[in-house]
Amino acid sequence: MPESRQVVVYSRKGCHLCEVVKESLSKLARRGGFAWREVDVDSDNELRRQFSDEVPVVFIDGHKAFKYRMDEREFLRKLAS
């Protein structure tokens, strides 16, 4: 997997599903192959409107890959494609 893959998780504070997804991303990132960052949807009015209560949302290289839950095997498969 190329190191340049960019993963973004849109989340908010107090969101249990967001915490689960971020823990998975942290664990998987230790293997290498991608960098990830978190964006708090409540930090921007437009993001809050766009995502509302539909968090977490995971994007891989700008493409929506997961919403609410993320399967680790499926994430790695999508990352490799």
N, C-alpha and C. Protein backbone atom coordinates (compact mmCIF):
# COMPACT_ATOMS: atom_id res chain seq x y z
N MET A 1 0.84 -1.18 0.00
CA MET A 1 0.00 0.00 0.00
C MET A 1 0.88 1.24 0.00
N PRO A 2 0.59 2.20 -0.84
CA PRO A 2 1.40 3.41 -0.85
C PRO A 2 1.20 4.22 0.43
N GLU A 3 2.26 4.82 0.91
CA GLU A 3 2.20 5.59 2.16
C GLU A 3 1.34 6.83 2.01
N SER A 4 1.07 7.25 0.78
CA SER A 4 0.40 8.53 0.55
C SER A 4 -1.12 8.49 0.71
N ARG A 5 -1.69 7.37 1.06
CA ARG A 5 -3.15 7.31 1.21
C ARG A 5 -3.57 8.21 2.37
N GLN A 6 -4.58 9.03 2.12
CA GLN A 6 -5.06 9.97 3.14
C GLN A 6 -6.45 9.56 3.62
N VAL A 7 -6.57 9.40 4.91
CA VAL A 7 -7.84 8.99 5.52
C VAL A 7 -8.29 10.12 6.45
N VAL A 8 -9.56 10.50 6.31
CA VAL A 8 -10.15 11.53 7.15
C VAL A 8 -11.39 10.95 7.81
N VAL A 9 -11.51 11.14 9.12
CA VAL A 9 -12.71 10.73 9.83
C VAL A 9 -13.40 11.99 10.35
N TYR A 10 -14.63 12.17 9.94
CA TYR A 10 -15.45 13.28 10.43
C TYR A 10 -16.20 12.76 11.65
N SER A 11 -16.05 13.47 12.77
CA SER A 11 -16.60 12.99 14.03
C SER A 11 -17.02 14.17 14.89
N ARG A 12 -17.46 13.85 16.09
CA ARG A 12 -17.77 14.90 17.07
C ARG A 12 -17.49 14.36 18.47
N LYS A 13 -17.28 15.29 19.37
CA LYS A 13 -17.04 14.91 20.77
C LYS A 13 -18.27 14.23 21.35
N GLY A 14 -18.05 13.26 22.21
CA GLY A 14 -19.14 12.56 22.87
C GLY A 14 -19.80 11.49 22.03
N CYS A 15 -19.23 11.17 20.89
CA CYS A 15 -19.80 10.17 19.98
C CYS A 15 -19.08 8.83 20.20
N HIS A 16 -19.81 7.86 20.75
CA HIS A 16 -19.21 6.55 21.03
C HIS A 16 -18.74 5.86 19.76
N LEU A 17 -19.56 5.86 18.71
CA LEU A 17 -19.15 5.21 17.46
C LEU A 17 -17.90 5.87 16.88
N CYS A 18 -17.78 7.18 17.05
CA CYS A 18 -16.58 7.89 16.58
C CYS A 18 -15.34 7.38 17.30
N GLU A 19 -15.46 7.19 18.61
CA GLU A 19 -14.32 6.69 19.39
C GLU A 19 -13.89 5.30 18.93
N VAL A 20 -14.86 4.44 18.64
CA VAL A 20 -14.55 3.09 18.18
C VAL A 20 -13.80 3.14 16.85
N VAL A 21 -14.28 3.96 15.91
CA VAL A 21 -13.63 4.08 14.60
C VAL A 21 -12.23 4.66 14.74
N LYS A 22 -12.06 5.67 15.59
CA LYS A 22 -10.74 6.28 15.78
C LYS A 22 -9.75 5.29 16.40
N GLU A 23 -10.22 4.46 17.33
CA GLU A 23 -9.35 3.44 17.91
C GLU A 23 -8.90 2.45 16.84
N SER A 24 -9.81 2.05 15.98
CA SER A 24 -9.46 1.12 14.89
C SER A 24 -8.45 1.76 13.95
N LEU A 25 -8.68 3.02 13.59
CA LEU A 25 -7.74 3.70 12.68
C LEU A 25 -6.36 3.83 13.31
N SER A 26 -6.31 4.14 14.60
CA SER A 26 -5.01 4.26 15.28
C SER A 26 -4.27 2.93 15.26
N LYS A 27 -5.00 1.86 15.52
CA LYS A 27 -4.39 0.52 15.52
C LYS A 27 -3.88 0.17 14.12
N LEU A 28 -4.71 0.38 13.11
CA LEU A 28 -4.33 0.02 11.74
C LEU A 28 -3.21 0.92 11.21
N ALA A 29 -3.18 2.16 11.63
CA ALA A 29 -2.15 3.09 11.15
C ALA A 29 -0.75 2.67 11.60
N ARG A 30 -0.67 1.95 12.72
CA ARG A 30 0.64 1.49 13.20
C ARG A 30 1.27 0.51 12.22
N ARG A 31 0.46 -0.14 11.39
CA ARG A 31 0.98 -1.04 10.36
C ARG A 31 1.59 -0.27 9.19
N GLY A 32 1.23 1.01 9.07
CA GLY A 32 1.72 1.83 7.98
C GLY A 32 0.78 1.79 6.79
N GLY A 33 1.11 2.55 5.77
CA GLY A 33 0.34 2.55 4.54
C GLY A 33 -0.63 3.71 4.40
N PHE A 34 -0.88 4.41 5.51
CA PHE A 34 -1.77 5.56 5.41
C PHE A 34 -1.58 6.48 6.61
N ALA A 35 -1.96 7.72 6.40
CA ALA A 35 -2.02 8.70 7.48
C ALA A 35 -3.48 9.07 7.64
N TRP A 36 -3.88 9.35 8.87
CA TRP A 36 -5.27 9.75 9.07
C TRP A 36 -5.35 10.97 9.96
N ARG A 37 -6.46 11.68 9.80
CA ARG A 37 -6.70 12.84 10.64
C ARG A 37 -8.18 12.91 10.96
N GLU A 38 -8.47 13.59 12.04
CA GLU A 38 -9.85 13.74 12.49
C GLU A 38 -10.31 15.17 12.25
N VAL A 39 -11.57 15.32 11.82
CA VAL A 39 -12.18 16.64 11.68
C VAL A 39 -13.45 16.64 12.53
N ASP A 40 -13.52 17.58 13.45
CA ASP A 40 -14.70 17.73 14.31
C ASP A 40 -15.76 18.49 13.52
N VAL A 41 -16.87 17.82 13.23
CA VAL A 41 -17.92 18.46 12.42
C VAL A 41 -18.55 19.66 13.13
N ASP A 42 -18.45 19.71 14.46
CA ASP A 42 -19.03 20.82 15.19
C ASP A 42 -18.14 22.06 15.17
N SER A 43 -16.97 21.96 14.56
CA SER A 43 -16.05 23.10 14.49
C SER A 43 -16.40 24.03 13.33
N ASP A 44 -17.33 23.62 12.47
CA ASP A 44 -17.66 24.39 11.28
C ASP A 44 -19.15 24.23 10.97
N ASN A 45 -19.85 25.34 10.80
CA ASN A 45 -21.30 25.29 10.55
C ASN A 45 -21.65 24.47 9.32
N GLU A 46 -20.87 24.61 8.25
CA GLU A 46 -21.15 23.87 7.02
C GLU A 46 -20.98 22.37 7.23
N LEU A 47 -19.92 21.98 7.93
CA LEU A 47 -19.71 20.55 8.22
C LEU A 47 -20.82 20.02 9.11
N ARG A 48 -21.24 20.82 10.09
CA ARG A 48 -22.32 20.40 10.98
C ARG A 48 -23.60 20.16 10.17
N ARG A 49 -23.89 21.06 9.21
CA ARG A 49 -25.06 20.88 8.35
C ARG A 49 -24.89 19.67 7.43
N GLN A 50 -23.71 19.51 6.88
CA GLN A 50 -23.46 18.43 5.92
C GLN A 50 -23.59 17.05 6.57
N PHE A 51 -23.01 16.88 7.75
CA PHE A 51 -22.97 15.56 8.37
C PHE A 51 -24.03 15.36 9.44
N SER A 52 -24.57 16.45 10.01
CA SER A 52 -25.63 16.39 11.01
C SER A 52 -25.30 15.33 12.05
N ASP A 53 -26.15 14.30 12.16
CA ASP A 53 -25.90 13.23 13.11
C ASP A 53 -25.33 11.99 12.44
N GLU A 54 -24.87 12.13 11.22
CA GLU A 54 -24.34 10.98 10.47
C GLU A 54 -22.84 10.85 10.64
N VAL A 55 -22.41 10.71 11.88
CA VAL A 55 -21.00 10.53 12.16
C VAL A 55 -20.82 9.24 12.94
N PRO A 56 -19.68 8.61 12.85
CA PRO A 56 -18.52 9.04 12.07
C PRO A 56 -18.66 8.70 10.59
N VAL A 57 -17.95 9.47 9.79
CA VAL A 57 -17.86 9.20 8.36
C VAL A 57 -16.38 9.14 8.03
N VAL A 58 -15.97 8.08 7.33
CA VAL A 58 -14.57 7.88 6.98
C VAL A 58 -14.41 8.05 5.46
N PHE A 59 -13.47 8.90 5.07
CA PHE A 59 -13.14 9.09 3.67
C PHE A 59 -11.73 8.57 3.43
N ILE A 60 -11.53 7.90 2.30
CA ILE A 60 -10.20 7.45 1.87
C ILE A 60 -9.90 8.21 0.58
N ASP A 61 -8.85 9.01 0.61
CA ASP A 61 -8.45 9.82 -0.55
C ASP A 61 -9.63 10.60 -1.13
N GLY A 62 -10.43 11.18 -0.25
CA GLY A 62 -11.53 12.03 -0.68
C GLY A 62 -12.81 11.31 -1.06
N HIS A 63 -12.83 9.98 -0.95
CA HIS A 63 -14.01 9.20 -1.30
C HIS A 63 -14.63 8.60 -0.04
N LYS A 64 -15.94 8.79 0.11
CA LYS A 64 -16.64 8.26 1.27
C LYS A 64 -16.54 6.74 1.28
N ALA A 65 -16.03 6.19 2.39
CA ALA A 65 -15.81 4.75 2.47
C ALA A 65 -16.70 4.08 3.52
N PHE A 66 -16.98 4.78 4.63
CA PHE A 66 -17.76 4.19 5.71
C PHE A 66 -18.57 5.27 6.41
N LYS A 67 -19.72 4.87 6.95
CA LYS A 67 -20.53 5.75 7.78
C LYS A 67 -21.02 4.94 8.97
N TYR A 68 -20.94 5.53 10.14
CA TYR A 68 -21.34 4.94 11.42
C TYR A 68 -20.37 3.87 11.93
N ARG A 69 -20.13 2.85 11.14
CA ARG A 69 -19.23 1.76 11.58
C ARG A 69 -18.21 1.49 10.48
N MET A 70 -17.07 0.93 10.92
CA MET A 70 -16.01 0.61 9.96
C MET A 70 -15.49 -0.79 10.25
N ASP A 71 -15.57 -1.65 9.26
CA ASP A 71 -15.02 -2.99 9.37
C ASP A 71 -13.53 -2.92 9.01
N GLU A 72 -12.66 -3.41 9.89
CA GLU A 72 -11.22 -3.27 9.66
C GLU A 72 -10.75 -4.00 8.42
N ARG A 73 -11.24 -5.20 8.19
CA ARG A 73 -10.83 -5.94 6.98
C ARG A 73 -11.27 -5.22 5.72
N GLU A 74 -12.50 -4.73 5.74
CA GLU A 74 -13.02 -4.00 4.58
C GLU A 74 -12.24 -2.71 4.37
N PHE A 75 -11.86 -2.04 5.47
CA PHE A 75 -11.04 -0.83 5.37
C PHE A 75 -9.71 -1.15 4.68
N LEU A 76 -9.05 -2.22 5.11
CA LEU A 76 -7.76 -2.58 4.51
C LEU A 76 -7.92 -2.96 3.04
N ARG A 77 -9.04 -3.62 2.70
CA ARG A 77 -9.29 -3.96 1.32
C ARG A 77 -9.47 -2.70 0.47
N LYS A 78 -10.25 -1.75 0.98
CA LYS A 78 -10.47 -0.50 0.25
C LYS A 78 -9.18 0.30 0.15
N LEU A 79 -8.39 0.26 1.21
CA LEU A 79 -7.13 0.99 1.20
C LEU A 79 -6.17 0.43 0.15
N ALA A 80 -6.20 -0.88 -0.05
CA ALA A 80 -5.29 -1.51 -0.99
C ALA A 80 -5.74 -1.35 -2.45
N SER A 81 -7.01 -1.01 -2.67
CA SER A 81 -7.50 -0.92 -4.05
C SER A 81 -7.19 0.41 -4.69
